[in-house]
Amino acid sequence: WIDYRAIVGDTSDGIAGCFGLGKAAAAEVLRRCNTLEGFFQT
């Protein structure tokens, strides 16, 4: 969940996410790579 929110952001708390990636892309990254560190490796 923390990596997911890091990607999509949290507008209620003023935390910007990664521009150009939404909920579907975030879920796809984490489904395939498990974590963001896993994404950076593959």
Full PDB file with SEQRES, HELIX, SHEET, SSBOND, CRYST1, ORIGX, SCALE, CONECT and MASTER records, all heavy atoms in Angstrom:
SEQRES   1 A   42  TRP ILE ASP TYR ARG ALA ILE VAL GLY ASP THR SER ASP          
SEQRES   2 A   42  GLY ILE ALA GLY CYS PHE GLY LEU GLY LYS ALA ALA ALA          
SEQRES   3 A   42  ALA GLU VAL LEU ARG ARG CYS ASN THR LEU GLU GLY PHE          
SEQRES   4 A   42  PHE GLN THR                                                  
HELIX    1 AA1 ILE A    2  VAL A    8  1                                   7    
HELIX    2 AA2 THR A   11  ASP A   13  5                                   3    
HELIX    3 AA3 LYS A   23  CYS A   33  1                                  11    
HELIX    4 AA4 LEU A   36  GLN A   41  1                                   6    
CRYST1    1.000    1.000    1.000  90.00  90.00  90.00 P 1           1          
ORIGX1      1.000000  0.000000  0.000000        0.00000                         
ORIGX2      0.000000  1.000000  0.000000        0.00000                         
ORIGX3      0.000000  0.000000  1.000000        0.00000                         
SCALE1      1.000000  0.000000  0.000000        0.00000                         
SCALE2      0.000000  1.000000  0.000000        0.00000                         
SCALE3      0.000000  0.000000  1.000000        0.00000                         
ATOM      1  N   TRP A   1       0.807  -1.211   0.000  1.00  0.00           N  
ATOM      2  CA  TRP A   1       0.000   0.000   0.000  1.00  0.00           C  
ATOM      3  C   TRP A   1       0.846   1.271   0.000  1.00  0.00           C  
ATOM      4  O   TRP A   1       0.510   2.261  -0.662  1.00  0.00           O  
ATOM      5  CB  TRP A   1      -0.956   0.001   1.190  1.00  0.00           C  
ATOM      6  CG  TRP A   1      -1.954   1.121   1.165  1.00  0.00           C  
ATOM      7  CD1 TRP A   1      -2.037   2.169   2.034  1.00  0.00           C  
ATOM      8  CD2 TRP A   1      -3.012   1.317   0.218  1.00  0.00           C  
ATOM      9  NE1 TRP A   1      -3.080   3.002   1.707  1.00  0.00           N  
ATOM     10  CE2 TRP A   1      -3.690   2.498   0.584  1.00  0.00           C  
ATOM     11  CE3 TRP A   1      -3.438   0.612  -0.900  1.00  0.00           C  
ATOM     12  CZ2 TRP A   1      -4.786   2.982  -0.130  1.00  0.00           C  
ATOM     13  CZ3 TRP A   1      -4.533   1.099  -1.619  1.00  0.00           C  
ATOM     14  CH2 TRP A   1      -5.189   2.268  -1.226  1.00  0.00           C  
ATOM     15  N   ILE A   2       1.948   1.286   0.720  1.00  0.00           N  
ATOM     16  CA  ILE A   2       2.793   2.483   0.775  1.00  0.00           C  
ATOM     17  C   ILE A   2       3.387   2.769  -0.603  1.00  0.00           C  
ATOM     18  O   ILE A   2       3.385   3.922  -1.069  1.00  0.00           O  
ATOM     19  CB  ILE A   2       3.899   2.321   1.837  1.00  0.00           C  
ATOM     20  CG1 ILE A   2       3.269   2.230   3.237  1.00  0.00           C  
ATOM     21  CG2 ILE A   2       4.890   3.481   1.775  1.00  0.00           C  
ATOM     22  CD1 ILE A   2       4.227   1.787   4.315  1.00  0.00           C  
ATOM     23  N   ASP A   3       3.888   1.741  -1.277  1.00  0.00           N  
ATOM     24  CA  ASP A   3       4.426   1.938  -2.622  1.00  0.00           C  
ATOM     25  C   ASP A   3       3.324   2.373  -3.585  1.00  0.00           C  
ATOM     26  O   ASP A   3       3.547   3.230  -4.456  1.00  0.00           O  
ATOM     27  CB  ASP A   3       5.069   0.643  -3.129  1.00  0.00           C  
ATOM     28  CG  ASP A   3       6.502   0.472  -2.635  1.00  0.00           C  
ATOM     29  OD1 ASP A   3       6.990   1.375  -1.914  1.00  0.00           O  
ATOM     30  OD2 ASP A   3       7.124  -0.558  -2.957  1.00  0.00           O  
ATOM     31  N   TYR A   4       2.141   1.803  -3.440  1.00  0.00           N  
ATOM     32  CA  TYR A   4       1.009   2.182  -4.292  1.00  0.00           C  
ATOM     33  C   TYR A   4       0.679   3.660  -4.118  1.00  0.00           C  
ATOM     34  O   TYR A   4       0.528   4.397  -5.098  1.00  0.00           O  
ATOM     35  CB  TYR A   4      -0.199   1.313  -3.929  1.00  0.00           C  
ATOM     36  CG  TYR A   4      -1.468   1.646  -4.673  1.00  0.00           C  
ATOM     37  CD1 TYR A   4      -1.699   1.149  -5.959  1.00  0.00           C  
ATOM     38  CD2 TYR A   4      -2.450   2.451  -4.085  1.00  0.00           C  
ATOM     39  CE1 TYR A   4      -2.874   1.450  -6.641  1.00  0.00           C  
ATOM     40  CE2 TYR A   4      -3.617   2.751  -4.770  1.00  0.00           C  
ATOM     41  CZ  TYR A   4      -3.824   2.256  -6.040  1.00  0.00           C  
ATOM     42  OH  TYR A   4      -4.980   2.560  -6.707  1.00  0.00           O  
ATOM     43  N   ARG A   5       0.614   4.091  -2.868  1.00  0.00           N  
ATOM     44  CA  ARG A   5       0.292   5.497  -2.592  1.00  0.00           C  
ATOM     45  C   ARG A   5       1.437   6.415  -3.026  1.00  0.00           C  
ATOM     46  O   ARG A   5       1.205   7.564  -3.421  1.00  0.00           O  
ATOM     47  CB  ARG A   5      -0.004   5.679  -1.110  1.00  0.00           C  
ATOM     48  CG  ARG A   5      -1.220   4.919  -0.628  1.00  0.00           C  
ATOM     49  CD  ARG A   5      -2.499   5.622  -0.974  1.00  0.00           C  
ATOM     50  NE  ARG A   5      -2.870   6.540   0.096  1.00  0.00           N  
ATOM     51  CZ  ARG A   5      -3.879   7.368   0.059  1.00  0.00           C  
ATOM     52  NH1 ARG A   5      -4.633   7.424  -1.014  1.00  0.00           N  
ATOM     53  NH2 ARG A   5      -4.166   8.157   1.082  1.00  0.00           N  
ATOM     54  N   ALA A   6       2.654   5.923  -2.947  1.00  0.00           N  
ATOM     55  CA  ALA A   6       3.789   6.727  -3.409  1.00  0.00           C  
ATOM     56  C   ALA A   6       3.690   6.982  -4.906  1.00  0.00           C  
ATOM     57  O   ALA A   6       4.059   8.059  -5.392  1.00  0.00           O  
ATOM     58  CB  ALA A   6       5.109   6.021  -3.076  1.00  0.00           C  
ATOM     59  N   ILE A   7       3.172   6.010  -5.634  1.00  0.00           N  
ATOM     60  CA  ILE A   7       3.033   6.172  -7.079  1.00  0.00           C  
ATOM     61  C   ILE A   7       1.862   7.095  -7.425  1.00  0.00           C  
ATOM     62  O   ILE A   7       1.999   8.027  -8.219  1.00  0.00           O  
ATOM     63  CB  ILE A   7       2.834   4.806  -7.768  1.00  0.00           C  
ATOM     64  CG1 ILE A   7       4.070   3.918  -7.578  1.00  0.00           C  
ATOM     65  CG2 ILE A   7       2.563   5.003  -9.270  1.00  0.00           C  
ATOM     66  CD1 ILE A   7       3.880   2.494  -8.075  1.00  0.00           C  
ATOM     67  N   VAL A   8       0.698   6.835  -6.832  1.00  0.00           N  
ATOM     68  CA  VAL A   8      -0.500   7.593  -7.219  1.00  0.00           C  
ATOM     69  C   VAL A   8      -0.624   8.920  -6.475  1.00  0.00           C  
ATOM     70  O   VAL A   8      -1.347   9.818  -6.900  1.00  0.00           O  
ATOM     71  CB  VAL A   8      -1.781   6.763  -7.006  1.00  0.00           C  
ATOM     72  CG1 VAL A   8      -1.709   5.460  -7.787  1.00  0.00           C  
ATOM     73  CG2 VAL A   8      -2.030   6.469  -5.519  1.00  0.00           C  
ATOM     74  N   GLY A   9       0.097   9.060  -5.336  1.00  0.00           N  
ATOM     75  CA  GLY A   9       0.028  10.287  -4.555  1.00  0.00           C  
ATOM     76  C   GLY A   9      -1.139  10.295  -3.586  1.00  0.00           C  
ATOM     77  O   GLY A   9      -1.996   9.403  -3.591  1.00  0.00           O  
ATOM     78  N   ASP A  10      -1.158  11.294  -2.751  1.00  0.00           N  
ATOM     79  CA  ASP A  10      -2.224  11.471  -1.758  1.00  0.00           C  
ATOM     80  C   ASP A  10      -2.575  12.960  -1.742  1.00  0.00           C  
ATOM     81  O   ASP A  10      -1.954  13.748  -1.033  1.00  0.00           O  
ATOM     82  CB  ASP A  10      -1.743  11.003  -0.382  1.00  0.00           C  
ATOM     83  CG  ASP A  10      -2.826  11.089   0.683  1.00  0.00           C  
ATOM     84  OD1 ASP A  10      -3.917  11.623   0.385  1.00  0.00           O  
ATOM     85  OD2 ASP A  10      -2.578  10.641   1.815  1.00  0.00           O  
ATOM     86  N   THR A  11      -3.544  13.331  -2.539  1.00  0.00           N  
ATOM     87  CA  THR A  11      -3.888  14.752  -2.674  1.00  0.00           C  
ATOM     88  C   THR A  11      -4.426  15.333  -1.368  1.00  0.00           C  
ATOM     89  O   THR A  11      -4.243  16.518  -1.106  1.00  0.00           O  
ATOM     90  CB  THR A  11      -4.943  14.944  -3.780  1.00  0.00           C  
ATOM     91  OG1 THR A  11      -6.074  14.107  -3.508  1.00  0.00           O  
ATOM     92  CG2 THR A  11      -4.360  14.561  -5.139  1.00  0.00           C  
ATOM     93  N   SER A  12      -5.074  14.520  -0.541  1.00  0.00           N  
ATOM     94  CA  SER A  12      -5.624  15.034   0.711  1.00  0.00           C  
ATOM     95  C   SER A  12      -4.528  15.487   1.669  1.00  0.00           C  
ATOM     96  O   SER A  12      -4.751  16.356   2.508  1.00  0.00           O  
ATOM     97  CB  SER A  12      -6.505  13.975   1.381  1.00  0.00           C  
ATOM     98  OG  SER A  12      -5.725  12.876   1.814  1.00  0.00           O  
ATOM     99  N   ASP A  13      -3.336  14.906   1.548  1.00  0.00           N  
ATOM    100  CA  ASP A  13      -2.221  15.285   2.412  1.00  0.00           C  
ATOM    101  C   ASP A  13      -1.169  16.125   1.679  1.00  0.00           C  
ATOM    102  O   ASP A  13      -0.120  16.441   2.247  1.00  0.00           O  
ATOM    103  CB  ASP A  13      -1.546  14.039   2.996  1.00  0.00           C  
ATOM    104  CG  ASP A  13      -2.371  13.396   4.104  1.00  0.00           C  
ATOM    105  OD1 ASP A  13      -3.307  14.057   4.597  1.00  0.00           O  
ATOM    106  OD2 ASP A  13      -2.097  12.248   4.471  1.00  0.00           O  
ATOM    107  N   GLY A  14      -1.420  16.456   0.432  1.00  0.00           N  
ATOM    108  CA  GLY A  14      -0.467  17.267  -0.321  1.00  0.00           C  
ATOM    109  C   GLY A  14       0.771  16.506  -0.746  1.00  0.00           C  
ATOM    110  O   GLY A  14       1.847  17.092  -0.895  1.00  0.00           O  
ATOM    111  N   ILE A  15       0.641  15.208  -0.966  1.00  0.00           N  
ATOM    112  CA  ILE A  15       1.773  14.381  -1.394  1.00  0.00           C  
ATOM    113  C   ILE A  15       1.587  14.048  -2.870  1.00  0.00           C  
ATOM    114  O   ILE A  15       0.667  13.310  -3.238  1.00  0.00           O  
ATOM    115  CB  ILE A  15       1.872  13.087  -0.563  1.00  0.00           C  
ATOM    116  CG1 ILE A  15       2.023  13.417   0.926  1.00  0.00           C  
ATOM    117  CG2 ILE A  15       3.048  12.233  -1.038  1.00  0.00           C  
ATOM    118  CD1 ILE A  15       1.939  12.202   1.835  1.00  0.00           C  
ATOM    119  N   ALA A  16       2.440  14.590  -3.707  1.00  0.00           N  
ATOM    120  CA  ALA A  16       2.335  14.354  -5.153  1.00  0.00           C  
ATOM    121  C   ALA A  16       2.854  12.963  -5.498  1.00  0.00           C  
ATOM    122  O   ALA A  16       3.825  12.478  -4.913  1.00  0.00           O  
ATOM    123  CB  ALA A  16       3.136  15.404  -5.912  1.00  0.00           C  
ATOM    124  N   GLY A  17       2.200  12.322  -6.464  1.00  0.00           N  
ATOM    125  CA  GLY A  17       2.650  11.023  -6.925  1.00  0.00           C  
ATOM    126  C   GLY A  17       3.563  11.159  -8.132  1.00  0.00           C  
ATOM    127  O   GLY A  17       4.112  12.232  -8.406  1.00  0.00           O  
ATOM    128  N   CYS A  18       3.724  10.062  -8.842  1.00  0.00           N  
ATOM    129  CA  CYS A  18       4.561  10.059 -10.044  1.00  0.00           C  
ATOM    130  C   CYS A  18       3.708  10.498 -11.226  1.00  0.00           C  
ATOM    131  O   CYS A  18       2.731   9.821 -11.576  1.00  0.00           O  
ATOM    132  CB  CYS A  18       5.134   8.664 -10.277  1.00  0.00           C  
ATOM    133  SG  CYS A  18       6.193   8.551 -11.727  1.00  0.00           S  
ATOM    134  N   PHE A  19       4.061  11.591 -11.841  1.00  0.00           N  
ATOM    135  CA  PHE A  19       3.271  12.160 -12.938  1.00  0.00           C  
ATOM    136  C   PHE A  19       3.168  11.168 -14.095  1.00  0.00           C  
ATOM    137  O   PHE A  19       4.169  10.600 -14.543  1.00  0.00           O  
ATOM    138  CB  PHE A  19       3.906  13.467 -13.426  1.00  0.00           C  
ATOM    139  CG  PHE A  19       3.121  14.136 -14.515  1.00  0.00           C  
ATOM    140  CD1 PHE A  19       1.970  14.844 -14.221  1.00  0.00           C  
ATOM    141  CD2 PHE A  19       3.518  14.020 -15.834  1.00  0.00           C  
ATOM    142  CE1 PHE A  19       1.229  15.454 -15.220  1.00  0.00           C  
ATOM    143  CE2 PHE A  19       2.791  14.619 -16.845  1.00  0.00           C  
ATOM    144  CZ  PHE A  19       1.640  15.340 -16.536  1.00  0.00           C  
ATOM    145  N   GLY A  20       1.942  10.952 -14.547  1.00  0.00           N  
ATOM    146  CA  GLY A  20       1.727  10.090 -15.693  1.00  0.00           C  
ATOM    147  C   GLY A  20       1.321   8.668 -15.341  1.00  0.00           C  
ATOM    148  O   GLY A  20       0.988   7.883 -16.224  1.00  0.00           O  
ATOM    149  N   LEU A  21       1.362   8.319 -14.054  1.00  0.00           N  
ATOM    150  CA  LEU A  21       0.944   6.990 -13.624  1.00  0.00           C  
ATOM    151  C   LEU A  21      -0.269   7.110 -12.710  1.00  0.00           C  
ATOM    152  O   LEU A  21      -0.256   7.878 -11.740  1.00  0.00           O  
ATOM    153  CB  LEU A  21       2.064   6.256 -12.881  1.00  0.00           C  
ATOM    154  CG  LEU A  21       3.116   5.578 -13.784  1.00  0.00           C  
ATOM    155  CD1 LEU A  21       4.152   6.595 -14.223  1.00  0.00           C  
ATOM    156  CD2 LEU A  21       3.764   4.409 -13.071  1.00  0.00           C  
ATOM    157  N   GLY A  22      -1.295   6.363 -13.027  1.00  0.00           N  
ATOM    158  CA  GLY A  22      -2.493   6.354 -12.208  1.00  0.00           C  
ATOM    159  C   GLY A  22      -2.651   5.042 -11.462  1.00  0.00           C  
ATOM    160  O   GLY A  22      -1.699   4.263 -11.313  1.00  0.00           O  
ATOM    161  N   LYS A  23      -3.870   4.783 -11.026  1.00  0.00           N  
ATOM    162  CA  LYS A  23      -4.135   3.605 -10.206  1.00  0.00           C  
ATOM    163  C   LYS A  23      -3.873   2.303 -10.962  1.00  0.00           C  
ATOM    164  O   LYS A  23      -3.300   1.356 -10.407  1.00  0.00           O  
ATOM    165  CB  LYS A  23      -5.580   3.645  -9.707  1.00  0.00           C  
ATOM    166  CG  LYS A  23      -5.874   4.815  -8.779  1.00  0.00           C  
ATOM    167  CD  LYS A  23      -7.330   4.830  -8.370  1.00  0.00           C  
ATOM    168  CE  LYS A  23      -7.639   6.008  -7.445  1.00  0.00           C  
ATOM    169  NZ  LYS A  23      -9.076   6.037  -7.050  1.00  0.00           N  
ATOM    170  N   ALA A  24      -4.294   2.240 -12.202  1.00  0.00           N  
ATOM    171  CA  ALA A  24      -4.123   1.009 -12.976  1.00  0.00           C  
ATOM    172  C   ALA A  24      -2.646   0.691 -13.199  1.00  0.00           C  
ATOM    173  O   ALA A  24      -2.213  -0.462 -13.043  1.00  0.00           O  
ATOM    174  CB  ALA A  24      -4.853   1.120 -14.319  1.00  0.00           C  
ATOM    175  N   ALA A  25      -1.870   1.717 -13.552  1.00  0.00           N  
ATOM    176  CA  ALA A  25      -0.438   1.503 -13.772  1.00  0.00           C  
ATOM    177  C   ALA A  25       0.268   1.120 -12.476  1.00  0.00           C  
ATOM    178  O   ALA A  25       1.145   0.248 -12.475  1.00  0.00           O  
ATOM    179  CB  ALA A  25       0.189   2.760 -14.369  1.00  0.00           C  
ATOM    180  N   ALA A  26      -0.113   1.757 -11.377  1.00  0.00           N  
ATOM    181  CA  ALA A  26       0.493   1.431 -10.087  1.00  0.00           C  
ATOM    182  C   ALA A  26       0.217  -0.014  -9.696  1.00  0.00           C  
ATOM    183  O   ALA A  26       1.117  -0.740  -9.241  1.00  0.00           O  
ATOM    184  CB  ALA A  26      -0.039   2.381  -9.011  1.00  0.00           C  
ATOM    185  N   ALA A  27      -1.020  -0.458  -9.885  1.00  0.00           N  
ATOM    186  CA  ALA A  27      -1.372  -1.839  -9.558  1.00  0.00           C  
ATOM    187  C   ALA A  27      -0.625  -2.816 -10.452  1.00  0.00           C  
ATOM    188  O   ALA A  27      -0.178  -3.880 -10.001  1.00  0.00           O  
ATOM    189  CB  ALA A  27      -2.880  -2.030  -9.688  1.00  0.00           C  
ATOM    190  N   GLU A  28      -0.472  -2.481 -11.725  1.00  0.00           N  
ATOM    191  CA  GLU A  28       0.254  -3.337 -12.658  1.00  0.00           C  
ATOM    192  C   GLU A  28       1.716  -3.474 -12.254  1.00  0.00           C  
ATOM    193  O   GLU A  28       2.272  -4.582 -12.244  1.00  0.00           O  
ATOM    194  CB  GLU A  28       0.149  -2.769 -14.081  1.00  0.00           C  
ATOM    195  CG  GLU A  28       1.124  -3.335 -15.096  1.00  0.00           C  
ATOM    196  CD  GLU A  28       0.894  -4.805 -15.418  1.00  0.00           C  
ATOM    197  OE1 GLU A  28      -0.143  -5.364 -15.013  1.00  0.00           O  
ATOM    198  OE2 GLU A  28       1.775  -5.410 -16.063  1.00  0.00           O  
ATOM    199  N   VAL A  29       2.345  -2.378 -11.900  1.00  0.00           N  
ATOM    200  CA  VAL A  29       3.750  -2.408 -11.473  1.00  0.00           C  
ATOM    201  C   VAL A  29       3.926  -3.314 -10.261  1.00  0.00           C  
ATOM    202  O   VAL A  29       4.824  -4.156 -10.205  1.00  0.00           O  
ATOM    203  CB  VAL A  29       4.244  -0.978 -11.159  1.00  0.00           C  
ATOM    204  CG1 VAL A  29       5.573  -1.010 -10.408  1.00  0.00           C  
ATOM    205  CG2 VAL A  29       4.385  -0.180 -12.445  1.00  0.00           C  
ATOM    206  N   LEU A  30       3.047  -3.156  -9.282  1.00  0.00           N  
ATOM    207  CA  LEU A  30       3.196  -3.914  -8.041  1.00  0.00           C  
ATOM    208  C   LEU A  30       2.765  -5.369  -8.205  1.00  0.00           C  
ATOM    209  O   LEU A  30       3.290  -6.260  -7.533  1.00  0.00           O  
ATOM    210  CB  LEU A  30       2.422  -3.228  -6.928  1.00  0.00           C  
ATOM    211  CG  LEU A  30       2.969  -1.832  -6.581  1.00  0.00           C  
ATOM    212  CD1 LEU A  30       2.065  -1.121  -5.587  1.00  0.00           C  
ATOM    213  CD2 LEU A  30       4.392  -1.925  -6.037  1.00  0.00           C  
ATOM    214  N   ARG A  31       1.821  -5.618  -9.107  1.00  0.00           N  
ATOM    215  CA  ARG A  31       1.423  -7.005  -9.368  1.00  0.00           C  
ATOM    216  C   ARG A  31       2.561  -7.765 -10.034  1.00  0.00           C  
ATOM    217  O   ARG A  31       2.839  -8.916  -9.699  1.00  0.00           O  
ATOM    218  CB  ARG A  31       0.184  -7.027 -10.259  1.00  0.00           C  
ATOM    219  CG  ARG A  31      -0.356  -8.432 -10.509  1.00  0.00           C  
ATOM    220  CD  ARG A  31      -1.670  -8.380 -11.273  1.00  0.00           C  
ATOM    221  NE  ARG A  31      -1.474  -7.938 -12.644  1.00  0.00           N  
ATOM    222  CZ  ARG A  31      -1.180  -8.766 -13.653  1.00  0.00           C  
ATOM    223  NH1 ARG A  31      -1.020 -10.057 -13.417  1.00  0.00           N  
ATOM    224  NH2 ARG A  31      -1.041  -8.296 -14.878  1.00  0.00           N  
ATOM    225  N   ARG A  32       3.249  -7.106 -10.960  1.00  0.00           N  
ATOM    226  CA  ARG A  32       4.324  -7.775 -11.701  1.00  0.00           C  
ATOM    227  C   ARG A  32       5.648  -7.797 -10.941  1.00  0.00           C  
ATOM    228  O   ARG A  32       6.424  -8.753 -11.056  1.00  0.00           O  
ATOM    229  CB  ARG A  32       4.541  -7.070 -13.041  1.00  0.00           C  
ATOM    230  CG  ARG A  32       3.346  -7.061 -13.962  1.00  0.00           C  
ATOM    231  CD  ARG A  32       3.221  -8.346 -14.716  1.00  0.00           C  
ATOM    232  NE  ARG A  32       2.120  -8.290 -15.684  1.00  0.00           N  
ATOM    233  CZ  ARG A  32       1.839  -9.261 -16.535  1.00  0.00           C  
ATOM    234  NH1 ARG A  32       2.562 -10.362 -16.555  1.00  0.00           N  
ATOM    235  NH2 ARG A  32       0.816  -9.141 -17.376  1.00  0.00           N  
ATOM    236  N   CYS A  33       5.896  -6.734 -10.172  1.00  0.00           N  
ATOM    237  CA  CYS A  33       7.224  -6.565  -9.558  1.00  0.00           C  
ATOM    238  C   CYS A  33       7.203  -6.667  -8.033  1.00  0.00           C  
ATOM    239  O   CYS A  33       8.267  -6.630  -7.409  1.00  0.00           O  
ATOM    240  CB  CYS A  33       7.818  -5.215  -9.971  1.00  0.00           C  
ATOM    241  SG  CYS A  33       7.901  -4.959 -11.759  1.00  0.00           S  
ATOM    242  N   ASN A  34       6.031  -6.719  -7.444  1.00  0.00           N  
ATOM    243  CA  ASN A  34       5.823  -6.850  -6.002  1.00  0.00           C  
ATOM    244  C   ASN A  34       6.110  -5.574  -5.228  1.00  0.00           C  
ATOM    245  O   ASN A  34       5.322  -5.158  -4.381  1.00  0.00           O  
ATOM    246  CB  ASN A  34       6.652  -8.001  -5.416  1.00  0.00           C  
ATOM    247  CG  ASN A  34       6.185  -8.385  -4.024  1.00  0.00           C  
ATOM    248  OD1 ASN A  34       4.981  -8.466  -3.769  1.00  0.00           O  
ATOM    249  ND2 ASN A  34       7.114  -8.624  -3.116  1.00  0.00           N  
ATOM    250  N   THR A  35       7.253  -4.929  -5.490  1.00  0.00           N  
ATOM    251  CA  THR A  35       7.624  -3.674  -4.832  1.00  0.00           C  
ATOM    252  C   THR A  35       8.209  -2.728  -5.870  1.00  0.00           C  
ATOM    253  O   THR A  35       8.545  -3.138  -6.992  1.00  0.00           O  
ATOM    254  CB  THR A  35       8.679  -3.897  -3.732  1.00  0.00           C  
ATOM    255  OG1 THR A  35       9.902  -4.355  -4.345  1.00  0.00           O  
ATOM    256  CG2 THR A  35       8.205  -4.926  -2.695  1.00  0.00           C  
ATOM    257  N   LEU A  36       8.380  -1.474  -5.484  1.00  0.00           N  
ATOM    258  CA  LEU A  36       9.040  -0.527  -6.388  1.00  0.00           C  
ATOM    259  C   LEU A  36      10.510  -0.888  -6.573  1.00  0.00           C  
ATOM    260  O   LEU A  36      11.065  -0.680  -7.653  1.00  0.00           O  
ATOM    261  CB  LEU A  36       8.896   0.899  -5.844  1.00  0.00           C  
ATOM    262  CG  LEU A  36       7.571   1.580  -6.194  1.00  0.00           C  
ATOM    263  CD1 LEU A  36       7.430   2.902  -5.461  1.00  0.00           C  
ATOM    264  CD2 LEU A  36       7.450   1.793  -7.702  1.00  0.00           C  
ATOM    265  N   GLU A  37      11.142  -1.403  -5.533  1.00  0.00           N  
ATOM    266  CA  GLU A  37      12.530  -1.838  -5.691  1.00  0.00           C  
ATOM    267  C   GLU A  37      12.607  -2.970  -6.713  1.00  0.00           C  
ATOM    268  O   GLU A  37      13.555  -3.044  -7.503  1.00  0.00           O  
ATOM    269  CB  GLU A  37      13.104  -2.275  -4.342  1.00  0.00           C  
ATOM    270  CG  GLU A  37      13.264  -1.139  -3.339  1.00  0.00           C  
ATOM    271  CD  GLU A  37      14.027   0.047  -3.897  1.00  0.00           C  
ATOM    272  OE1 GLU A  37      15.031  -0.174  -4.612  1.00  0.00           O  
ATOM    273  OE2 GLU A  37      13.626   1.197  -3.640  1.00  0.00           O  
ATOM    274  N   GLY A  38      11.601  -3.846  -6.695  1.00  0.00           N  
ATOM    275  CA  GLY A  38      11.557  -4.900  -7.696  1.00  0.00           C  
ATOM    276  C   GLY A  38      11.402  -4.339  -9.097  1.00  0.00           C  
ATOM    277  O   GLY A  38      11.992  -4.847 -10.061  1.00  0.00           O  
ATOM    278  N   PHE A  39      10.618  -3.265  -9.224  1.00  0.00           N  
ATOM    279  CA  PHE A  39      10.473  -2.613 -10.530  1.00  0.00           C  
ATOM    280  C   PHE A  39      11.803  -2.049 -11.009  1.00  0.00           C  
ATOM    281  O   PHE A  39      12.158  -2.205 -12.185  1.00  0.00           O  
ATOM    282  CB  PHE A  39       9.438  -1.494 -10.457  1.00  0.00           C  
ATOM    283  CG  PHE A  39       9.460  -0.585 -11.653  1.00  0.00           C  
ATOM    284  CD1 PHE A  39       8.838  -0.959 -12.835  1.00  0.00           C  
ATOM    285  CD2 PHE A  39      10.122   0.640 -11.605  1.00  0.00           C  
ATOM    286  CE1 PHE A  39       8.888  -0.128 -13.955  1.00  0.00           C  
ATOM    287  CE2 PHE A  39      10.161   1.473 -12.706  1.00  0.00           C  
ATOM    288  CZ  PHE A  39       9.543   1.087 -13.888  1.00  0.00           C  
ATOM    289  N   PHE A  40      12.534  -1.383 -10.126  1.00  0.00           N  
ATOM    290  CA  PHE A  40      13.800  -0.771 -10.539  1.00  0.00           C  
ATOM    291  C   PHE A  40      14.816  -1.829 -10.962  1.00  0.00           C  
ATOM    292  O   PHE A  40      15.680  -1.571 -11.793  1.00  0.00           O  
ATOM    293  CB  PHE A  40      14.366   0.083  -9.401  1.00  0.00           C  
ATOM    294  CG  PHE A  40      13.492   1.256  -9.049  1.00  0.00           C  
ATOM    295  CD1 PHE A  40      13.182   1.533  -7.723  1.00  0.00           C  
ATOM    296  CD2 PHE A  40      12.954   2.067 -10.026  1.00  0.00           C  
ATOM    297  CE1 PHE A  40      12.371   2.603  -7.388  1.00  0.00           C  
ATOM    298  CE2 PHE A  40      12.132   3.145  -9.704  1.00  0.00           C  
ATOM    299  CZ  PHE A  40      11.836   3.400  -8.379  1.00  0.00           C  
ATOM    300  N   GLN A  41      14.697  -3.044 -10.424  1.00  0.00           N  
ATOM    301  CA  GLN A  41      15.602  -4.122 -10.807  1.00  0.00           C  
ATOM    302  C   GLN A  41      15.191  -4.749 -12.135  1.00  0.00           C  
ATOM    303  O   GLN A  41      16.049  -5.173 -12.920  1.00  0.00           O  
ATOM    304  CB  GLN A  41      15.628  -5.185  -9.713  1.00  0.00           C  
ATOM    305  CG  GLN A  41      16.268  -4.720  -8.413  1.00  0.00           C  
ATOM    306  CD  GLN A  41      16.110  -5.721  -7.283  1.00  0.00           C  
ATOM    307  OE1 GLN A  41      15.727  -6.872  -7.497  1.00  0.00           O  
ATOM    308  NE2 GLN A  41      16.403  -5.295  -6.053  1.00  0.00           N  
ATOM    309  N   THR A  42      13.870  -4.813 -12.378  1.00  0.00           N  
ATOM    310  CA  THR A  42      13.366  -5.405 -13.626  1.00  0.00           C  
ATOM    311  C   THR A  42      12.285  -4.501 -14.214  1.00  0.00           C  
ATOM    312  O   THR A  42      11.097  -4.832 -14.200  1.00  0.00           O  
ATOM    313  CB  THR A  42      12.782  -6.813 -13.359  1.00  0.00           C  
ATOM    314  OG1 THR A  42      11.760  -6.705 -12.352  1.00  0.00           O  
ATOM    315  CG2 THR A  42      13.866  -7.772 -12.892  1.00  0.00           C  
TER     316      THR A  42                                                      
MASTER        0    0    0    4    0    0    0    6  315    1    0    4          
END                                                                             
